Protein backbone atom coordinates (compact mmCIF):
# COMPACT_ATOMS: atom_id res chain seq x y z
CA MET A 1 -13.53 -2.13 15.03
CA GLU A 2 -9.79 -1.90 14.38
CA LEU A 3 -7.37 -1.08 17.20
CA PHE A 4 -6.55 2.30 15.60
CA GLU A 5 -10.24 3.22 15.48
CA ILE A 6 -10.66 2.30 19.15
CA VAL A 7 -7.66 4.39 20.19
CA MET A 8 -8.85 7.41 18.20
CA LYS A 9 -12.36 7.08 19.59
CA LEU A 10 -10.98 7.03 23.14
CA ASN A 11 -8.46 9.80 22.45
CA GLY A 12 -10.61 12.15 20.42
CA PRO A 13 -9.82 14.16 17.30
CA VAL A 14 -6.45 15.87 16.85
CA GLN A 15 -6.79 17.79 13.58
CA PRO A 16 -7.12 21.57 14.11
CA VAL A 17 -10.31 23.26 12.94
CA GLY A 18 -9.48 26.93 13.56
CA GLU A 19 -11.85 27.46 16.50
CA GLN A 20 -10.12 28.35 19.77
CA ASN A 21 -12.08 26.14 22.18
CA ALA A 22 -12.16 23.11 19.90
CA ASP A 23 -8.46 23.47 19.09
CA GLN A 24 -7.55 23.63 22.79
CA THR A 25 -9.27 20.29 23.29
CA ARG A 26 -7.60 18.89 20.18
CA LEU A 27 -4.19 20.07 21.41
CA SER A 28 -4.79 18.15 24.62
CA ASN A 29 -5.81 15.13 22.54
CA MET A 30 -2.64 15.49 20.43
CA LYS A 31 -0.46 15.56 23.54
CA ALA A 32 -2.10 12.37 24.81
CA LEU A 33 -1.72 10.70 21.40
CA THR A 34 1.97 11.62 21.06
CA GLU A 35 2.65 10.37 24.59
CA LEU A 36 1.02 7.07 23.64
CA ALA A 37 3.06 6.92 20.41
CA ASP A 38 6.25 7.52 22.40
CA ARG A 39 5.43 4.68 24.77
CA ILE A 40 4.56 2.35 21.90
CA LEU A 41 7.79 3.18 20.07
CA TYR A 42 9.71 2.51 23.28
CA GLU A 43 8.19 -0.98 23.53
CA ILE A 44 8.93 -1.74 19.87
CA ASN A 45 12.50 -0.52 20.30
CA ARG A 46 12.95 -2.78 23.35
CA ALA A 47 12.06 -5.82 21.22
CA GLU A 48 14.51 -4.93 18.44
CA PRO A 49 17.62 -6.59 19.99
CA ALA A 50 15.87 -9.97 19.70
CA ALA A 51 16.63 -9.77 15.95
CA ASP A 52 20.08 -11.14 16.83
CA ARG A 53 18.75 -14.18 18.71
CA VAL A 54 18.96 -17.70 17.29
CA GLU A 55 15.48 -18.73 18.45
CA PHE A 56 13.20 -18.39 15.42
CA SER A 57 10.21 -16.89 17.26
CA MET A 58 12.30 -14.32 19.12
CA LYS A 59 14.26 -13.44 15.99
CA ALA A 60 11.06 -12.93 13.98
CA ILE A 61 9.76 -10.42 16.53
CA GLY A 62 13.10 -8.62 16.68
CA VAL A 63 13.46 -8.45 12.90
CA HIS A 64 9.97 -7.04 12.52
CA ALA A 65 10.67 -4.45 15.23
CA ARG A 66 14.01 -3.52 13.64
CA GLU A 67 12.50 -3.12 10.17
CA PHE A 68 9.70 -1.01 11.57
CA MET A 69 12.06 1.24 13.53
CA GLU A 70 14.26 1.70 10.44
CA SER A 71 11.21 2.74 8.43
CA VAL A 72 10.21 5.23 11.14
CA LYS A 73 13.72 6.72 11.21
CA GLY A 74 13.68 7.00 7.40
CA ALA A 75 10.35 8.84 7.31
């Protein structure tokens, strides 16, 4: 099982279906998922300054984080 599949299984569905009770649950699931996404983006953003380091391993992590954050901002 992929990490995404595990998270979605734990979180539950988020797509609306047009039924009041189900959509209330899915709204709660969406709020939990967006909170998780916010926390993940925060962690990625914290690693981004390492792109300016001279140590290869640190720089590689920082560059990847920077490129990812730029792609998110461009979306």
